[in-house]
Protein backbone atom coordinates (compact mmCIF):
# COMPACT_ATOMS: atom_id res chain seq x y z
CA MET A 1 87.48 39.98 166.54
CA VAL A 2 90.70 42.42 167.29
CA LEU A 3 90.59 46.16 166.13
CA PHE A 4 94.34 47.21 165.29
CA PRO A 5 94.65 51.04 165.50
CA PRO A 6 95.78 52.37 162.56
CA PRO A 7 98.90 54.71 162.71
CA CYS A 8 96.86 57.74 162.59
CA HIS A 9 94.06 58.48 165.09
CA SER A 10 92.47 60.82 162.65
CA PRO A 11 88.68 60.05 162.31
CA LYS A 12 88.86 59.36 158.67
CA TYR A 13 91.48 56.36 158.97
CA PHE A 14 89.66 52.89 159.25
CA VAL A 15 90.89 49.23 159.92
CA LEU A 16 89.92 46.49 157.53
CA HIS A 17 90.24 43.18 159.18
CA ASN A 18 89.71 39.75 158.27
CA CYS A 19 89.96 37.24 160.57
CA ASP A 20 88.64 34.15 158.72
CA GLN A 21 90.02 35.34 155.36
CA LYS A 22 86.35 35.50 154.09
CA HIS A 23 84.69 38.22 155.61
CA PHE A 24 85.99 42.01 155.79
CA CYS A 25 84.89 44.26 158.32
CA PHE A 26 85.12 48.12 158.59
CA TYR A 27 85.67 49.61 162.08
CA LYS A 28 86.10 53.56 162.46
CA CYS A 29 88.73 54.52 164.90
CA HIS A 30 86.58 56.97 167.07
CA THR A 31 83.65 54.71 167.45
CA GLY A 32 85.32 52.23 169.87
CA GLY A 33 85.57 49.40 167.28
CA GLN A 34 81.72 49.77 166.06
CA ARG A 35 81.08 48.10 162.47
CA MET A 36 80.59 50.62 159.80
CA THR A 37 79.91 48.61 156.35
CA ASN A 38 80.71 46.18 154.15
CA ASP A 39 84.06 46.91 151.85
CA LYS A 40 81.89 46.64 148.66
CA GLU A 41 79.58 49.39 149.81
CA ILE A 42 82.33 52.45 149.93
CA PRO A 43 84.89 52.89 147.62
CA VAL A 44 88.51 53.13 149.73
CA GLU A 45 92.01 53.62 149.06
CA THR A 46 94.71 51.64 150.37
CA ARG A 47 97.53 53.88 152.01
CA CYS A 48 99.95 51.10 153.06
CA PRO A 49 100.52 47.39 151.93
CA PRO A 50 98.48 44.71 153.41
CA LEU A 51 100.56 43.87 157.28
CA LEU A 52 100.68 40.22 158.15
CA THR A 53 99.34 39.42 161.80
CA GLY A 54 99.51 35.75 162.57
CA LYS A 55 96.75 34.47 159.83
CA SER A 56 95.05 37.90 159.67
CA PHE A 57 95.41 40.52 157.57
CA VAL A 58 95.39 44.19 158.63
CA PHE A 59 94.47 47.13 155.84
CA TYR A 60 95.04 50.72 156.63
CA VAL A 61 92.30 52.51 154.56
CA TYR A 62 90.99 55.98 154.56
CA PHE A 63 87.66 57.05 152.67
CA SER A 64 88.49 59.71 149.70
CA LYS A 65 87.04 63.41 149.95
CA GLU A 66 85.13 64.82 147.37
CA VAL A 67 86.85 68.03 146.17
CA TRP A 68 85.10 70.69 144.68
CA ILE A 69 85.87 71.58 141.27
CA ILE A 70 84.66 73.95 138.70
CA ASP A 71 84.88 73.09 134.92
CA PRO A 72 85.68 76.15 132.92
CA ALA A 73 83.35 74.95 130.02
CA THR A 74 80.36 75.49 132.28
CA ASP A 75 77.82 78.25 132.80
CA MET A 76 78.49 78.29 136.41
CA TYR A 77 82.39 79.53 135.25
CA TYR A 78 81.15 81.88 133.07
CA GLN A 79 79.15 83.63 135.65
CA TRP A 80 81.74 83.30 138.08
CA LEU A 81 83.98 85.38 135.49
CA THR A 82 81.28 87.95 135.08
CA ILE A 83 81.46 88.59 139.00
CA VAL A 84 84.70 89.15 138.77
CA ALA A 85 84.83 91.29 135.83
CA VAL A 86 83.11 93.90 138.00
CA PRO A 87 85.78 94.45 140.27
CA ALA A 88 88.34 94.25 137.81
CA PHE A 89 86.69 97.07 135.36
CA TYR A 90 86.15 99.29 138.52
CA ASN A 91 89.86 99.28 139.37
CA LEU A 92 90.63 99.96 135.64
CA MET A 93 88.38 102.78 135.71
CA LEU A 94 88.58 104.36 138.88
CA LEU A 95 92.11 103.87 140.21
CA VAL A 96 94.10 106.11 138.26
CA PRO A 97 91.30 109.40 138.38
CA ARG A 98 91.37 108.63 142.15
CA ALA A 99 95.12 108.78 141.89
CA SER A 100 94.79 112.06 139.82
CA PHE A 101 91.94 114.23 141.47
CA ASN A 102 92.27 114.54 144.84
CA ASP A 103 88.61 115.88 145.16
CA LEU A 104 87.29 112.78 143.84
CA GLN A 105 89.24 110.53 146.61
CA ALA A 106 88.60 112.70 149.03
CA ASN A 107 85.03 113.38 148.71
CA TYR A 108 83.95 109.75 148.90
CA VAL A 109 86.43 107.91 151.20
CA MET A 110 83.61 105.59 152.66
CA LEU A 111 82.29 104.59 149.29
CA TRP A 112 86.01 103.81 148.01
CA MET A 113 86.39 101.74 151.17
CA VAL A 114 83.33 99.84 150.76
CA LEU A 115 83.74 99.08 146.88
CA ASP A 116 88.23 98.52 147.55
CA TYR A 117 87.55 96.09 150.01
CA THR A 118 84.49 94.59 148.27
CA SER A 119 86.71 93.97 145.42
CA ASP A 120 89.76 92.66 147.18
CA VAL A 121 87.63 89.83 148.79
CA ILE A 122 86.33 89.06 145.55
CA TYR A 123 89.94 88.92 144.23
CA TYR A 124 90.75 86.20 147.31
CA ILE A 125 88.01 83.90 146.35
CA ASP A 126 88.72 84.38 142.47
CA THR A 127 92.26 83.18 143.41
CA PHE A 128 90.89 79.88 145.22
CA VAL A 129 88.57 79.30 142.21
CA ARG A 130 91.56 79.73 139.76
CA SER A 131 93.53 76.76 141.89
CA ARG A 132 90.20 74.78 141.47
CA THR A 133 89.82 75.57 137.99
CA GLY A 134 89.90 72.26 135.96
CA PHE A 135 91.86 71.92 132.49
CA LEU A 136 91.99 69.10 130.15
CA GLU A 137 94.92 66.39 129.60
CA GLN A 138 94.51 64.18 126.83
CA GLY A 139 90.82 65.02 126.58
CA LEU A 140 89.92 64.47 129.87
CA LEU A 141 89.08 66.80 132.80
CA VAL A 142 91.83 66.89 135.34
CA LYS A 143 89.78 66.79 139.04
CA ASP A 144 92.99 66.27 141.21
CA PRO A 145 93.50 69.12 143.61
CA VAL A 146 97.22 68.98 143.60
CA LYS A 147 97.63 68.80 139.60
CA LEU A 148 95.28 71.64 139.89
CA LYS A 149 97.45 73.59 141.90
CA GLU A 150 100.57 73.01 140.11
CA HIS A 151 99.05 74.01 136.71
CA TYR A 152 97.91 76.93 138.33
CA ARG A 153 101.22 77.90 139.76
CA ALA A 154 102.93 77.18 136.40
CA GLN A 155 101.09 79.72 134.73
CA LYS A 156 102.25 83.53 134.26
CA GLN A 157 99.15 84.96 135.60
CA PHE A 158 99.92 83.22 138.92
CA LYS A 159 102.29 85.92 139.54
CA TYR A 160 99.84 88.83 138.76
CA ASP A 161 97.29 87.29 140.85
CA ILE A 162 99.78 87.20 144.00
CA ILE A 163 101.07 90.55 143.23
CA SER A 164 97.10 91.74 143.19
CA MET A 165 96.73 90.20 146.48
CA ILE A 166 99.54 91.93 148.21
CA PRO A 167 97.98 94.11 150.80
CA THR A 168 99.42 97.51 149.72
CA ASP A 169 96.88 98.84 151.91
CA LEU A 170 99.36 98.57 154.88
CA ALA A 171 100.67 102.01 153.50
CA PHE A 172 97.70 103.83 154.17
CA ILE A 173 98.50 103.61 157.98
CA PRO A 174 101.71 105.95 157.70
CA TYR A 175 100.55 107.96 154.51
CA GLY A 176 96.76 108.27 155.03
CA TYR A 177 93.94 106.71 152.90
CA ASN A 178 94.38 109.63 150.24
CA ASN A 179 96.90 107.96 148.14
CA PRO A 180 94.97 105.40 146.24
CA GLU A 181 98.07 105.03 143.88
CA PHE A 182 99.07 102.40 146.57
CA ARG A 183 96.36 100.20 145.08
CA PHE A 184 97.58 100.25 141.61
CA ASN A 185 98.88 96.39 142.16
CA ARG A 186 94.93 95.82 141.66
CA LEU A 187 95.41 96.16 138.19
CA GLY A 188 97.17 92.64 137.93
CA LYS A 189 93.28 91.13 137.67
CA MET A 190 92.71 92.81 134.48
CA ALA A 191 93.39 89.00 132.68
CA ARG A 192 90.09 88.22 134.04
CA LEU A 193 88.20 90.95 132.36
CA PHE A 194 89.89 90.30 128.91
CA GLU A 195 89.10 86.66 129.17
CA PHE A 196 85.42 87.49 130.23
CA PHE A 197 85.16 89.58 126.71
CA ASP A 198 86.88 86.71 125.07
CA ARG A 199 84.05 84.40 126.25
CA THR A 200 81.22 86.38 125.63
CA GLU A 201 82.61 87.04 122.39
CA THR A 202 82.16 83.49 121.41
CA ARG A 203 78.74 83.12 123.36
CA THR A 204 77.06 86.27 121.68
CA ASN A 205 74.78 85.76 118.68
CA TYR A 206 75.92 89.21 117.37
CA PRO A 207 79.93 88.92 117.54
CA ASN A 208 80.61 91.74 115.11
CA ILE A 209 78.34 94.44 116.89
CA PHE A 210 80.63 93.06 120.31
CA ARG A 211 84.06 93.34 118.96
CA ILE A 212 83.04 97.26 117.73
CA GLY A 213 81.70 98.02 121.35
CA ASN A 214 84.82 96.14 122.80
CA LEU A 215 87.10 98.38 120.70
CA VAL A 216 85.45 101.40 121.13
CA LEU A 217 85.43 100.52 124.92
CA TYR A 218 89.29 100.13 124.96
CA ILE A 219 89.51 103.72 123.09
CA LEU A 220 87.87 105.26 125.49
CA ILE A 221 89.57 103.81 128.40
CA ILE A 222 92.82 105.32 126.64
CA ILE A 223 91.32 108.56 126.09
CA HIS A 224 90.17 108.57 130.00
CA TRP A 225 93.51 107.45 131.16
CA ASN A 226 95.36 110.24 129.31
CA ALA A 227 92.96 112.90 130.53
CA CYS A 228 94.07 111.69 134.33
CA VAL A 229 97.56 111.51 133.54
CA PHE A 230 97.32 115.09 131.69
CA TYR A 231 95.51 116.46 135.07
CA ALA A 232 98.38 114.79 137.17
CA LEU A 233 101.33 116.44 135.08
CA SER A 234 99.44 119.83 135.39
CA LYS A 235 99.34 119.02 139.23
CA LEU A 236 103.03 118.37 138.94
CA LEU A 237 104.06 121.30 136.92
CA GLY A 238 101.68 124.00 138.66
CA PHE A 239 98.12 124.73 137.64
CA GLY A 240 98.17 127.67 135.41
CA SER A 241 101.83 128.39 135.30
CA ASP A 242 101.70 128.30 131.49
CA THR A 243 99.27 128.18 128.55
CA TRP A 244 99.64 124.25 128.36
CA VAL A 245 98.51 122.87 131.70
CA TYR A 246 95.10 123.03 133.70
CA PRO A 247 94.15 126.51 134.24
CA ASN A 248 94.57 127.74 137.64
CA ILE A 249 91.57 126.20 140.49
CA THR A 250 91.57 129.04 142.21
CA ASP A 251 88.73 130.21 139.78
CA PRO A 252 85.96 128.97 141.01
CA GLU A 253 84.36 127.80 137.70
CA MET A 254 87.76 125.77 136.86
CA GLY A 255 87.62 124.17 140.48
CA GLN A 256 84.90 122.02 140.27
CA LEU A 257 85.81 118.47 140.02
CA SER A 258 83.17 118.12 136.88
CA ARG A 259 84.80 120.74 135.16
CA LYS A 260 88.07 119.28 135.82
CA TYR A 261 87.46 116.01 134.46
CA VAL A 262 85.74 117.09 131.47
CA TYR A 263 88.12 119.70 130.67
CA CYS A 264 90.72 116.85 130.59
CA LEU A 265 88.88 114.54 128.78
CA TYR A 266 88.12 117.22 126.15
CA TRP A 267 91.88 118.03 125.78
CA SER A 268 92.73 114.19 125.61
CA THR A 269 90.35 113.60 123.16
CA LEU A 270 91.49 116.26 120.83
CA THR A 271 95.09 115.06 121.38
CA LEU A 272 94.54 111.63 120.42
CA THR A 273 92.76 112.28 117.66
CA THR A 274 95.27 114.20 116.56
CA ILE A 275 92.95 117.14 115.61
CA GLY A 276 95.47 119.59 117.66
CA GLU A 277 93.14 122.31 118.33
CA THR A 278 94.96 122.97 121.93
CA PRO A 279 97.34 124.97 123.49
CA PRO A 280 100.91 124.33 122.31
CA PRO A 281 103.47 123.08 124.72
CA VAL A 282 105.79 125.19 126.55
CA ARG A 283 108.16 123.09 128.51
CA ASP A 284 110.43 120.26 127.09
CA ILE A 285 108.27 117.41 129.33
CA GLU A 286 105.09 118.94 127.79
CA TYR A 287 106.63 118.30 124.32
CA LEU A 288 107.36 114.85 125.21
CA PHE A 289 104.05 114.20 126.40
CA VAL A 290 102.38 115.48 123.48
CA VAL A 291 104.43 113.68 121.23
CA ALA A 292 103.76 110.41 122.96
CA ASP A 293 100.21 111.31 122.76
CA PHE A 294 100.38 112.18 119.20
CA LEU A 295 102.18 108.59 118.34
CA THR A 296 99.36 106.93 120.54
CA GLY A 297 96.77 108.62 118.48
CA VAL A 298 98.07 107.54 115.41
CA LEU A 299 98.10 103.85 116.48
CA ILE A 300 94.60 104.31 117.68
CA PHE A 301 93.29 105.74 114.41
CA ALA A 302 95.06 102.75 112.87
CA THR A 303 93.79 100.26 114.89
CA ILE A 304 90.22 101.74 114.42
CA VAL A 305 90.52 101.98 110.67
CA GLY A 306 91.74 98.23 110.74
CA ASN A 307 89.48 96.49 112.86
CA VAL A 308 86.45 98.56 112.08
CA GLY A 309 87.25 97.74 108.12
CA ALA A 310 87.70 94.26 108.83
CA MET A 311 84.84 94.11 110.89
CA ILE A 312 82.33 95.55 108.20
CA SER A 313 83.84 93.49 105.94
CA ASN A 314 82.64 90.29 107.73
CA MET A 315 79.46 91.67 108.35
CA ASN A 316 79.04 92.14 104.54
CA ALA A 317 80.80 89.03 103.70
CA ALA A 318 77.66 87.19 103.22
CA ARG A 319 75.64 89.54 101.38
CA ALA A 320 78.58 90.37 98.95
CA GLU A 321 78.59 86.53 98.31
CA PHE A 322 75.16 86.49 97.90
CA GLN A 323 74.94 89.27 95.60
CA ALA A 324 77.77 87.86 93.31
CA LYS A 325 75.61 84.89 92.72
CA ILE A 326 72.61 87.02 91.48
CA ASP A 327 74.79 89.10 89.24
CA SER A 328 76.06 85.62 87.85
CA ILE A 329 72.57 84.42 87.00
CA LYS A 330 71.35 87.82 85.66
CA GLN A 331 74.24 88.09 83.15
CA TYR A 332 73.56 84.72 82.48
CA MET A 333 69.78 85.06 81.85
CA GLU A 334 70.68 87.86 79.72
CA PHE A 335 73.18 86.25 77.61
CA ARG A 336 70.73 83.29 76.87
CA LYS A 337 68.05 85.78 76.06
CA VAL A 338 65.94 84.57 79.00
CA SER A 339 62.06 86.39 79.11
CA LYS A 340 61.40 89.14 81.34
CA VAL A 341 58.68 87.15 83.16
CA LEU A 342 61.00 84.51 84.00
CA GLU A 343 63.89 86.77 85.05
CA ALA A 344 61.57 88.39 87.80
CA ARG A 345 60.50 85.22 88.98
CA VAL A 346 64.36 84.03 89.62
CA VAL A 347 65.12 87.58 91.13
CA LYS A 348 61.92 87.36 93.62
CA TRP A 349 63.37 83.70 94.56
CA PHE A 350 66.39 85.11 95.38
CA ASP A 351 65.11 88.16 96.98
CA TYR A 352 62.75 85.69 99.49
CA LEU A 353 65.70 83.67 100.15
CA TRP A 354 68.00 86.46 101.34
CA THR A 355 64.62 87.99 103.27
CA GLU A 356 63.97 84.86 104.93
CA LYS A 357 67.59 84.45 105.77
CA LYS A 358 67.92 81.00 103.82
CA THR A 359 71.04 81.58 101.90
CA CYS A 360 73.48 79.20 103.89
CA ASP A 361 74.80 76.20 102.44
CA GLU A 362 74.05 73.53 105.28
CA LYS A 363 76.74 71.08 104.14
CA GLU A 364 79.31 74.28 103.77
CA VAL A 365 78.34 75.41 107.44
CA LEU A 366 78.78 72.02 108.92
CA LYS A 367 81.79 70.75 107.10
CA ASN A 368 84.22 71.54 109.81
CA LEU A 369 82.17 69.77 112.42
CA PRO A 370 83.13 65.98 113.15
CA ASP A 371 80.51 63.51 112.46
CA LYS A 372 79.27 62.81 115.86
CA LEU A 373 78.08 66.46 116.18
CA LYS A 374 76.85 66.64 112.46
CA ALA A 375 74.48 63.66 113.50
CA GLU A 376 73.44 65.23 116.67
CA ILE A 377 72.18 68.51 115.06
CA ALA A 378 70.77 66.88 112.07
CA ILE A 379 68.34 64.75 114.90
CA ASN A 380 67.92 67.80 116.59
CA VAL A 381 66.61 69.80 113.55
CA HIS A 382 64.88 66.71 111.68
CA MET A 383 64.14 63.68 113.66
CA GLU A 384 60.68 64.84 115.04
CA THR A 385 59.49 65.74 111.32
CA LEU A 386 60.35 62.40 109.83
CA ARG A 387 59.03 60.42 112.96
CA LYS A 388 55.71 61.90 111.56
CA VAL A 389 56.12 59.86 108.37
CA ARG A 390 53.69 56.87 108.81
CA ILE A 391 55.93 54.62 107.18
CA PHE A 392 59.16 55.43 109.58
CA GLN A 393 57.11 55.34 112.59
CA ASP A 394 58.50 52.66 114.96
CA CYS A 395 61.75 52.49 112.79
CA GLU A 396 64.80 51.80 114.66
CA ALA A 397 66.92 54.64 115.82
CA GLY A 398 70.02 53.66 113.91
CA LEU A 399 68.05 53.72 110.53
CA LEU A 400 66.38 56.88 111.31
CA ILE A 401 69.68 58.60 111.92
CA GLU A 402 71.07 57.52 108.46
CA LEU A 403 68.07 59.04 107.09
CA VAL A 404 68.18 62.56 108.88
CA LEU A 405 71.40 62.84 107.45
CA LYS A 406 70.51 62.38 104.13
CA LEU A 407 67.24 64.81 104.23
CA GLN A 408 68.23 67.81 101.53
CA PRO A 409 66.38 71.25 102.16
CA GLN A 410 64.64 72.53 98.94
CA VAL A 411 62.76 76.03 98.67
CA PHE A 412 60.00 76.31 95.75
CA SER A 413 58.45 79.36 94.44
CA PRO A 414 54.78 80.18 93.84
CA GLY A 415 53.39 78.03 91.27
CA ASP A 416 56.02 75.87 90.80
CA TYR A 417 54.78 72.17 90.67
CA ILE A 418 56.55 69.65 93.06
CA CYS A 419 55.70 66.97 91.10
CA LYS A 420 53.04 66.08 88.47
CA LYS A 421 50.97 62.98 87.75
CA GLY A 422 52.63 60.01 86.06
CA ASP A 423 56.10 61.49 86.82
CA ILE A 424 58.55 58.75 88.13
CA GLY A 425 58.87 59.28 91.82
CA ARG A 426 62.91 59.38 92.90
CA GLU A 427 61.99 61.80 96.14
CA MET A 428 59.50 61.86 98.98
CA TYR A 429 58.82 65.41 100.23
CA ILE A 430 58.23 66.62 103.91
CA ILE A 431 56.60 69.95 104.18
CA LYS A 432 59.01 72.20 106.44
CA GLU A 433 57.21 75.47 105.88
CA GLY A 434 54.43 76.58 103.53
CA LYS A 435 51.21 75.62 101.59
CA LEU A 436 50.97 72.95 98.61
CA ALA A 437 47.70 72.56 96.93
CA VAL A 438 46.54 69.05 95.22
CA VAL A 439 45.10 70.32 92.31
CA ALA A 440 43.31 68.68 89.02
CA ASP A 441 44.87 68.04 85.51
CA ASP A 442 43.40 71.31 84.46
CA GLY A 443 45.28 73.13 87.04
CA VAL A 444 42.55 75.15 88.08
CA THR A 445 40.49 72.51 90.37
CA GLN A 446 42.19 72.26 94.05
CA TRP A 447 41.52 69.31 96.04
CA CYS A 448 43.05 69.94 99.13
CA VAL A 449 46.08 71.82 100.38
CA LEU A 450 48.96 70.52 102.44
CA SER A 451 50.65 72.27 105.12
CA ASP A 452 53.37 72.34 107.65
CA GLY A 453 54.19 68.73 108.78
CA ALA A 454 52.52 67.03 105.77
CA TYR A 455 54.25 64.63 103.58
CA PHE A 456 53.92 62.91 100.06
CA GLY A 457 55.88 60.47 97.91
CA ASP A 458 56.73 58.28 100.75
CA LEU A 459 55.45 54.95 99.24
CA SER A 460 56.37 55.41 95.76
CA ILE A 461 60.25 55.59 96.35
CA LEU A 462 59.96 51.99 98.15
CA GLY A 463 58.94 50.27 94.73
CA ILE A 464 56.68 47.95 96.16
CA LYS A 465 55.78 45.15 94.05
CA GLY A 466 52.29 45.10 92.95
CA SER A 467 51.62 48.95 93.30
CA LYS A 468 48.75 49.74 90.99
CA ALA A 469 50.71 53.32 90.30
CA GLY A 470 54.22 51.39 90.28
CA ASN A 471 56.41 54.18 91.03
CA ARG A 472 54.48 56.79 89.37
CA ARG A 473 53.10 60.11 90.96
CA THR A 474 49.52 59.95 91.37
CA ALA A 475 48.64 63.32 91.64
CA ASN A 476 49.56 67.30 90.74
CA ILE A 477 50.76 69.10 93.59
CA ARG A 478 51.82 72.63 93.54
CA SER A 479 53.24 75.22 95.54
CA VAL A 480 51.01 78.07 96.66
CA GLY A 481 53.46 80.38 98.02
CA TYR A 482 57.07 80.14 98.84
CA SER A 483 57.65 76.50 100.62
CA ASP A 484 60.31 74.79 102.47
CA LEU A 485 60.50 71.01 101.80
CA PHE A 486 62.93 68.26 102.96
CA ALA A 487 63.48 65.86 100.23
CA LEU A 488 64.85 62.23 100.75
CA SER A 489 65.83 60.55 97.58
CA LYS A 490 65.03 56.61 96.63
CA ASP A 491 68.99 56.21 96.03
CA ASP A 492 69.58 57.65 99.57
CA LEU A 493 67.04 55.72 101.37
CA MET A 494 68.06 52.29 99.74
CA ASP A 495 71.77 52.98 100.51
CA ALA A 496 70.64 53.72 104.26
CA LEU A 497 68.46 50.02 104.11
CA THR A 498 71.39 48.08 103.00
CA GLU A 499 72.71 48.48 106.26
CA TYR A 500 69.17 47.30 107.70
CA PRO A 501 67.71 44.21 105.75
CA ASP A 502 65.34 43.94 108.32
CA ALA A 503 64.06 47.27 108.72
CA LYS A 504 63.81 47.03 104.63
CA TYR A 505 61.55 44.15 105.02
CA ALA A 506 59.83 45.63 107.66
CA LEU A 507 59.03 48.90 105.31
CA GLU A 508 57.92 46.98 102.54
CA GLU A 509 55.12 44.94 104.41
CA LYS A 510 54.15 48.34 106.01
CA GLY A 511 53.91 49.95 102.75
CA LYS A 512 51.87 47.04 101.13
CA ALA A 513 49.49 47.36 104.33
CA ILE A 514 48.72 50.85 103.47
CA LEU A 515 48.12 50.39 99.91
CA MET A 516 45.88 47.25 100.30
CA LYS A 517 43.91 49.37 103.00
CA ASP A 518 43.36 51.64 100.43
CA ASN A 519 42.71 48.78 97.64
CA LEU A 520 45.94 50.30 95.54
CA ILE A 521 47.74 46.89 95.36
CA ASP A 522 47.30 44.19 92.89
CA GLU A 523 48.10 41.39 95.19
CA GLU A 524 48.35 38.68 91.87
CA LEU A 525 50.92 40.84 90.25
CA GLY A 526 52.45 41.42 93.93
CA ASN A 527 52.74 37.55 94.43
CA ARG A 528 54.88 37.11 91.20
CA ALA A 529 58.16 36.67 90.66
CA ASP A 530 60.32 39.81 89.68
CA PRO A 531 62.28 39.03 86.67
CA LYS A 532 64.63 41.54 87.54
CA GLU A 533 64.79 40.07 90.96
CA MET A 534 65.06 36.31 89.72
CA GLU A 535 68.19 37.89 87.15
CA ASN A 536 69.99 39.58 90.34
CA LYS A 537 69.81 36.01 92.05
CA VAL A 538 71.33 34.25 89.29
CA LEU A 539 73.97 37.07 88.65
CA THR A 540 74.66 36.52 92.45
CA MET A 541 74.83 32.92 91.76
CA GLU A 542 77.26 33.31 89.05
CA THR A 543 79.60 35.68 90.90
CA ASN A 544 79.59 33.15 93.83
CA MET A 545 80.56 30.29 91.50
CA GLU A 546 83.15 32.22 89.90
CA VAL A 547 84.79 33.02 93.36
CA MET A 548 84.19 29.56 94.55
CA THR A 549 86.08 28.26 91.52
CA ILE A 550 89.00 30.59 91.99
CA LYS A 551 89.24 29.45 95.53
CA PHE A 552 89.19 25.91 94.63
CA THR A 553 91.95 26.48 91.90
CA ARG A 554 94.38 27.99 94.58
CA MET A 555 93.44 25.32 97.15
CA ILE A 556 94.76 22.81 94.25
CA ALA A 557 97.73 24.21 93.29
CA GLU A 558 98.57 24.91 97.16
CA TRP A 559 97.99 21.13 97.75
CA ALA A 560 100.17 20.27 94.99
CA THR A 561 103.06 22.61 95.96
CA TYR A 562 102.85 21.17 99.64
CA GLN A 563 102.68 17.45 98.14
CA ALA A 564 106.01 18.57 96.29
CA LYS A 565 107.54 19.52 99.55
CA VAL A 566 106.50 16.84 101.36
CA LYS A 567 108.18 14.39 98.70
CA GLN A 568 111.20 16.09 98.89
CA ARG A 569 111.57 16.06 102.65
CA ILE A 570 110.96 12.35 102.19
CA SER A 571 113.64 11.86 99.34
CA ASN A 572 115.97 14.06 101.82
CA MET A 573 115.42 11.51 104.75
CA GLU A 574 115.75 8.29 102.81
CA ALA A 575 119.29 9.93 101.57
CA ARG A 576 120.61 10.57 105.04
CA VAL A 577 119.27 6.76 106.16
CA MET A 578 121.11 5.21 103.12
CA LYS A 579 124.24 7.28 103.61
CA ASP A 580 124.40 6.31 107.50
CA LYS A 581 124.02 2.39 106.91
């Protein structure tokens, strides 16, 4: 066998040689013709069309290399976002005060150098990560590195990322390190901090509290920056040159770094909150600065009032809606002259719902989800509970999925009867939480207590022929305290079983076996033909006969029409033949 060298001698290129047009072998360039593997064992990609060499075909192929891609929907991406947010927040909070307060910059040079260049390394890594961050296209995650780079470059943030990586620190060489304003371009990464806040808000279980905290943080940052600008302006105009600027730093007390910052922060807070208990401005530039601060303060105040008001409304929306329901029920009971005892029971029931956080309507909460996600949530919540019911054990998964979507939560108060002996069984119940007592007809004698995970009424909703109890309840069941139950109605069960006839037969047979074991079935009665079933069969046959009659009549009419057309064509052909003669 002859090895044809590829046009490129890189080790990643391979040659596929077919001498007998039956066997294909791979050879690696730098192995001296050593056979690597069969072509079906390794995915390859053809880089050029086959070259015809005598009776042999030569392909130049290479093995595609896995490229690291990060999915923005994963926890790994959020964790990296958390790491990037730290240097972004560091630059946001400390670059401006370092540029304003010379003592802060000069006293901790080594610390700032370590933090600055650590932040720069994280920024550079983040730029690479962003170039390898996947995005959705037609519902699929794009993993092609070329497309990812093009997508990243097309974004507006790409320009800010490039600006934030410009090595402006080179200006420290002629001007010295005590000029941190040269690093202001690092603020171009602030978008990553805001993205971190947005993703955290969607992940947290307390979004309203997080929004309030976020708003307070933004306000503190504005006050913090304004304090730094006030000090820088005072330094420009001259400390102690008038009553408005920062006092002369020759005073030992006013020359301390902590006093400088606290004084400026105090001044900034009073100004931006429009309290105004500060020395009035003297120069024109001071007037302009104070006017800008007052306008900013008004906007901040309006933002606080609007956002906090909206957040509080959202936090109290559920309570207000629930209270409206209670008020309407109270008005109705007062209008209908309901007894005070019953009214107290109703109010206690509502209090229990609110205390235990059971006021939400599951259908209303899940209505915006697609059916697939609704089914998955229902399976996650109810499947294990439903599998405990003996008649549903070993049922096919499709039927169980249909049934979990039909389970309805119900809450019963202390003393409520879930069912009474002799009632028609239209639902079966599964106890989620609480205790139910099986009591005698006198309502005093207690036979047993059912607790979490127990179920009852499963046989009555099947309507098994020959059951001595029929579809009637055989016991009195009363709630001991507040009880949470799941109910499955007979109509919902039968509706689900229409799509699973084999499962219906299996459930009926399993129910019969359980009744026979407990001696609760009359076999003679069960073997009798059900008049309703016979009537249904007759009605079905009549319906089928009517359908067949209609179809047969239609076929006769179509046949007559077809015969008429054929006769007409024959007559036309005869007329043409006679005319030709």
